[in-house]
Amino acid sequence: MTLVKFNGDQKGKRSLMPAMNNVFDSIFTDGFFNEHGAKMVPAVNILEALDHFQIELAAPGLQKEDFKVSLDRNLLNISVEKQEKEQNEGERFTRREFSFHSFVRTFSLPDTADQHSITAKYEDGLLKVKVSKKEEAKLMTRQIEIG
């Protein structure tokens, strides 16, 4: 399973120290932090078992209703849009930085994935998306003895 990156492309920049720029660019422009230093895109683990793939997305503080998981051909999209509207009368904020959270993570499914057998579950701040493998992909796995 491959992560498809749609943001943070900085290929047009030139520098005397490209290696250092790559490190700094990856920290500050690859979608992990915005210009204020706030974390924008949750971390993801991708696991492959014999009969399925599993995507684990760490997103504490959200509800399962905040997520939208969709499939467009072989692209699996996980997105969140959450706006906090709660404000009590008589409260005055000197500074208010959290009111809207959104992100999109897009994954390209391999040919071995069964696009008709995808399930998602959100529990304890962790979204788990399970993508089953096609039956023929399960049969291709076997142990080979060494002689």
C-alpha atoms as a PDB file:
ATOM      1  CA  MET A   1       0.000   0.000   0.000  1.00  0.00           C
ATOM      2  CA  THR A   2       1.421   3.382  -0.954  1.00  0.00           C
ATOM      3  CA  LEU A   3       0.904   6.800   0.560  1.00  0.00           C
ATOM      4  CA  VAL A   4       0.201   9.340  -2.169  1.00  0.00           C
ATOM      5  CA  LYS A   5       1.531  12.775  -1.255  1.00  0.00           C
ATOM      6  CA  PHE A   6      -0.404  15.758  -2.620  1.00  0.00           C
ATOM      7  CA  ASN A   7       1.063  18.683  -0.643  1.00  0.00           C
ATOM      8  CA  GLY A   8       4.416  20.151   0.320  1.00  0.00           C
ATOM      9  CA  ASP A   9       6.056  19.872  -3.108  1.00  0.00           C
ATOM     10  CA  GLN A  10       9.046  22.236  -3.103  1.00  0.00           C
ATOM     11  CA  LYS A  11      11.050  20.983  -6.104  1.00  0.00           C
ATOM     12  CA  GLY A  12      11.564  24.400  -7.660  1.00  0.00           C
ATOM     13  CA  LYS A  13      13.761  25.685  -4.797  1.00  0.00           C
ATOM     14  CA  ARG A  14      17.563  25.859  -5.150  1.00  0.00           C
ATOM     15  CA  SER A  15      19.979  25.985  -2.251  1.00  0.00           C
ATOM     16  CA  LEU A  16      23.643  25.663  -1.383  1.00  0.00           C
ATOM     17  CA  MET A  17      22.765  22.988   1.188  1.00  0.00           C
ATOM     18  CA  PRO A  18      19.996  20.869  -0.368  1.00  0.00           C
ATOM     19  CA  ALA A  19      20.311  18.084   2.198  1.00  0.00           C
ATOM     20  CA  MET A  20      19.626  20.464   5.088  1.00  0.00           C
ATOM     21  CA  ASN A  21      16.750  22.065   3.182  1.00  0.00           C
ATOM     22  CA  ASN A  22      15.234  18.634   2.634  1.00  0.00           C
ATOM     23  CA  VAL A  23      15.322  17.973   6.383  1.00  0.00           C
ATOM     24  CA  PHE A  24      13.775  21.324   7.257  1.00  0.00           C
ATOM     25  CA  ASP A  25      11.260  21.151   4.416  1.00  0.00           C
ATOM     26  CA  SER A  26      10.145  17.696   5.515  1.00  0.00           C
ATOM     27  CA  ILE A  27       9.622  18.928   9.079  1.00  0.00           C
ATOM     28  CA  PHE A  28       7.831  22.169   8.296  1.00  0.00           C
ATOM     29  CA  THR A  29       6.129  21.727   4.921  1.00  0.00           C
ATOM     30  CA  ASP A  30       5.173  18.081   4.459  1.00  0.00           C
ATOM     31  CA  GLY A  31       1.817  18.485   6.135  1.00  0.00           C
ATOM     32  CA  PHE A  32       2.950  17.637   9.646  1.00  0.00           C
ATOM     33  CA  PHE A  33       2.973  21.265  10.827  1.00  0.00           C
ATOM     34  CA  ASN A  34       1.286  24.422   9.586  1.00  0.00           C
ATOM     35  CA  GLU A  35       2.844  27.894   9.646  1.00  0.00           C
ATOM     36  CA  HIS A  36       1.925  28.256  13.352  1.00  0.00           C
ATOM     37  CA  GLY A  37       3.581  24.982  14.357  1.00  0.00           C
ATOM     38  CA  ALA A  38       0.273  23.187  15.005  1.00  0.00           C
ATOM     39  CA  LYS A  39       0.068  19.529  14.034  1.00  0.00           C
ATOM     40  CA  MET A  40      -2.242  19.126  11.039  1.00  0.00           C
ATOM     41  CA  VAL A  41      -1.993  15.569   9.723  1.00  0.00           C
ATOM     42  CA  PRO A  42      -2.174  12.591  12.076  1.00  0.00           C
ATOM     43  CA  ALA A  43       0.424   9.845  12.011  1.00  0.00           C
ATOM     44  CA  VAL A  44      -0.407   6.609  10.186  1.00  0.00           C
ATOM     45  CA  ASN A  45       0.706   2.991  10.529  1.00  0.00           C
ATOM     46  CA  ILE A  46       0.145   0.613   7.607  1.00  0.00           C
ATOM     47  CA  LEU A  47       0.233  -3.083   8.396  1.00  0.00           C
ATOM     48  CA  GLU A  48       0.101  -6.018   5.997  1.00  0.00           C
ATOM     49  CA  ALA A  49      -1.102  -9.420   7.170  1.00  0.00           C
ATOM     50  CA  LEU A  50      -1.598 -12.566   5.106  1.00  0.00           C
ATOM     51  CA  ASP A  51      -5.273 -11.836   4.437  1.00  0.00           C
ATOM     52  CA  HIS A  52      -5.639  -8.055   4.838  1.00  0.00           C
ATOM     53  CA  PHE A  53      -4.080  -4.594   5.064  1.00  0.00           C
ATOM     54  CA  GLN A  54      -4.753  -2.369   8.058  1.00  0.00           C
ATOM     55  CA  ILE A  55      -4.378   1.395   8.244  1.00  0.00           C
ATOM     56  CA  GLU A  56      -4.182   2.860  11.747  1.00  0.00           C
ATOM     57  CA  LEU A  57      -4.598   6.616  12.012  1.00  0.00           C
ATOM     58  CA  ALA A  58      -3.910   8.339  15.360  1.00  0.00           C
ATOM     59  CA  ALA A  59      -6.550  11.051  15.824  1.00  0.00           C
ATOM     60  CA  PRO A  60      -7.415  11.564  19.502  1.00  0.00           C
ATOM     61  CA  GLY A  61     -10.131  13.996  20.503  1.00  0.00           C
ATOM     62  CA  LEU A  62     -12.362  13.282  17.524  1.00  0.00           C
ATOM     63  CA  GLN A  63     -15.636  11.397  17.235  1.00  0.00           C
ATOM     64  CA  LYS A  64     -16.386   8.700  14.676  1.00  0.00           C
ATOM     65  CA  GLU A  65     -18.919  11.088  13.089  1.00  0.00           C
ATOM     66  CA  ASP A  66     -16.065  13.504  12.266  1.00  0.00           C
ATOM     67  CA  PHE A  67     -14.457  11.027   9.835  1.00  0.00           C
ATOM     68  CA  LYS A  68     -15.316  10.439   6.208  1.00  0.00           C
ATOM     69  CA  VAL A  69     -13.798   7.344   4.605  1.00  0.00           C
ATOM     70  CA  SER A  70     -14.361   7.058   0.868  1.00  0.00           C
ATOM     71  CA  LEU A  71     -13.079   5.066  -2.080  1.00  0.00           C
ATOM     72  CA  ASP A  72     -12.530   6.591  -5.526  1.00  0.00           C
ATOM     73  CA  ARG A  73     -11.351   3.842  -7.892  1.00  0.00           C
ATOM     74  CA  ASN A  74      -8.212   2.582  -6.112  1.00  0.00           C
ATOM     75  CA  LEU A  75      -7.705   5.674  -3.908  1.00  0.00           C
ATOM     76  CA  LEU A  76      -8.803   5.370  -0.290  1.00  0.00           C
ATOM     77  CA  ASN A  77      -9.466   8.813   1.246  1.00  0.00           C
ATOM     78  CA  ILE A  78      -9.691   9.454   4.978  1.00  0.00           C
ATOM     79  CA  SER A  79     -10.766  12.984   5.827  1.00  0.00           C
ATOM     80  CA  VAL A  80     -11.939  15.001   8.817  1.00  0.00           C
ATOM     81  CA  GLU A  81     -13.666  18.347   9.019  1.00  0.00           C
ATOM     82  CA  LYS A  82     -14.547  19.479  12.506  1.00  0.00           C
ATOM     83  CA  GLN A  83     -15.551  22.948  13.566  1.00  0.00           C
ATOM     84  CA  GLU A  84     -15.946  23.828  17.223  1.00  0.00           C
ATOM     85  CA  LYS A  85     -18.869  26.220  17.584  1.00  0.00           C
ATOM     86  CA  GLU A  86     -19.238  26.174  21.355  1.00  0.00           C
ATOM     87  CA  GLN A  87     -18.840  29.610  22.903  1.00  0.00           C
ATOM     88  CA  ASN A  88     -20.479  30.687  26.128  1.00  0.00           C
ATOM     89  CA  GLU A  89     -21.902  34.158  26.617  1.00  0.00           C
ATOM     90  CA  GLY A  90     -19.740  36.442  28.714  1.00  0.00           C
ATOM     91  CA  GLU A  91     -16.477  34.704  27.778  1.00  0.00           C
ATOM     92  CA  ARG A  92     -13.798  36.813  26.191  1.00  0.00           C
ATOM     93  CA  PHE A  93     -10.809  35.224  24.559  1.00  0.00           C
ATOM     94  CA  THR A  94      -7.462  36.995  24.568  1.00  0.00           C
ATOM     95  CA  ARG A  95      -6.279  34.423  22.044  1.00  0.00           C
ATOM     96  CA  ARG A  96      -8.191  31.559  20.487  1.00  0.00           C
ATOM     97  CA  GLU A  97      -6.283  29.211  18.182  1.00  0.00           C
ATOM     98  CA  PHE A  98      -8.446  26.124  17.998  1.00  0.00           C
ATOM     99  CA  SER A  99     -11.739  26.272  16.207  1.00  0.00           C
ATOM    100  CA  PHE A 100     -11.416  24.283  12.986  1.00  0.00           C
ATOM    101  CA  HIS A 101      -9.647  21.012  12.270  1.00  0.00           C
ATOM    102  CA  SER A 102      -9.395  19.335   8.887  1.00  0.00           C
ATOM    103  CA  PHE A 103      -7.107  16.947   7.062  1.00  0.00           C
ATOM    104  CA  VAL A 104      -7.121  14.441   4.239  1.00  0.00           C
ATOM    105  CA  ARG A 105      -4.943  11.349   3.917  1.00  0.00           C
ATOM    106  CA  THR A 106      -5.034   9.487   0.602  1.00  0.00           C
ATOM    107  CA  PHE A 107      -3.765   5.950   0.025  1.00  0.00           C
ATOM    108  CA  SER A 108      -3.367   4.107  -3.253  1.00  0.00           C
ATOM    109  CA  LEU A 109      -4.649   0.549  -2.842  1.00  0.00           C
ATOM    110  CA  PRO A 110      -2.650  -2.248  -4.466  1.00  0.00           C
ATOM    111  CA  ASP A 111      -4.180  -4.594  -7.037  1.00  0.00           C
ATOM    112  CA  THR A 112      -4.373  -7.327  -4.391  1.00  0.00           C
ATOM    113  CA  ALA A 113      -6.844  -5.307  -2.266  1.00  0.00           C
ATOM    114  CA  ASP A 114     -10.519  -6.294  -2.278  1.00  0.00           C
ATOM    115  CA  GLN A 115     -12.230  -2.935  -2.733  1.00  0.00           C
ATOM    116  CA  HIS A 116     -15.598  -4.459  -1.785  1.00  0.00           C
ATOM    117  CA  SER A 117     -14.406  -5.538   1.659  1.00  0.00           C
ATOM    118  CA  ILE A 118     -13.310  -2.441   3.578  1.00  0.00           C
ATOM    119  CA  THR A 119     -14.323  -1.757   7.182  1.00  0.00           C
ATOM    120  CA  ALA A 120     -13.499   1.095   9.561  1.00  0.00           C
ATOM    121  CA  LYS A 121     -13.672   1.411  13.340  1.00  0.00           C
ATOM    122  CA  TYR A 122     -12.802   4.367  15.606  1.00  0.00           C
ATOM    123  CA  GLU A 123     -11.928   3.590  19.211  1.00  0.00           C
ATOM    124  CA  ASP A 124      -9.779   5.284  21.876  1.00  0.00           C
ATOM    125  CA  GLY A 125      -8.410   7.929  19.471  1.00  0.00           C
ATOM    126  CA  LEU A 126      -7.402   5.395  16.821  1.00  0.00           C
ATOM    127  CA  LEU A 127      -9.146   4.906  13.476  1.00  0.00           C
ATOM    128  CA  LYS A 128      -8.559   1.413  12.090  1.00  0.00           C
ATOM    129  CA  VAL A 129      -9.399   0.762   8.444  1.00  0.00           C
ATOM    130  CA  LYS A 130      -9.205  -2.884   7.390  1.00  0.00           C
ATOM    131  CA  VAL A 131      -8.884  -3.701   3.682  1.00  0.00           C
ATOM    132  CA  SER A 132      -9.208  -7.396   2.899  1.00  0.00           C
ATOM    133  CA  LYS A 133      -7.082  -8.994   0.210  1.00  0.00           C
ATOM    134  CA  LYS A 134      -8.574 -10.735  -2.818  1.00  0.00           C
ATOM    135  CA  GLU A 135      -8.787 -14.525  -2.546  1.00  0.00           C
ATOM    136  CA  GLU A 136      -6.215 -15.070  -5.297  1.00  0.00           C
ATOM    137  CA  ALA A 137      -3.741 -12.845  -3.421  1.00  0.00           C
ATOM    138  CA  LYS A 138      -4.174 -14.971  -0.300  1.00  0.00           C
ATOM    139  CA  LEU A 139      -3.373 -18.130  -2.271  1.00  0.00           C
ATOM    140  CA  MET A 140      -0.145 -16.653  -3.677  1.00  0.00           C
ATOM    141  CA  THR A 141       1.520 -16.712  -0.251  1.00  0.00           C
ATOM    142  CA  ARG A 142       3.324 -19.941   0.649  1.00  0.00           C
ATOM    143  CA  GLN A 143       6.388 -21.098   2.551  1.00  0.00           C
ATOM    144  CA  ILE A 144       9.315 -22.345   0.442  1.00  0.00           C
ATOM    145  CA  GLU A 145      11.660 -24.880   1.990  1.00  0.00           C
ATOM    146  CA  ILE A 146      15.390 -24.354   1.696  1.00  0.00           C
ATOM    147  CA  GLY A 147      17.227 -27.459   0.524  1.00  0.00           C
END
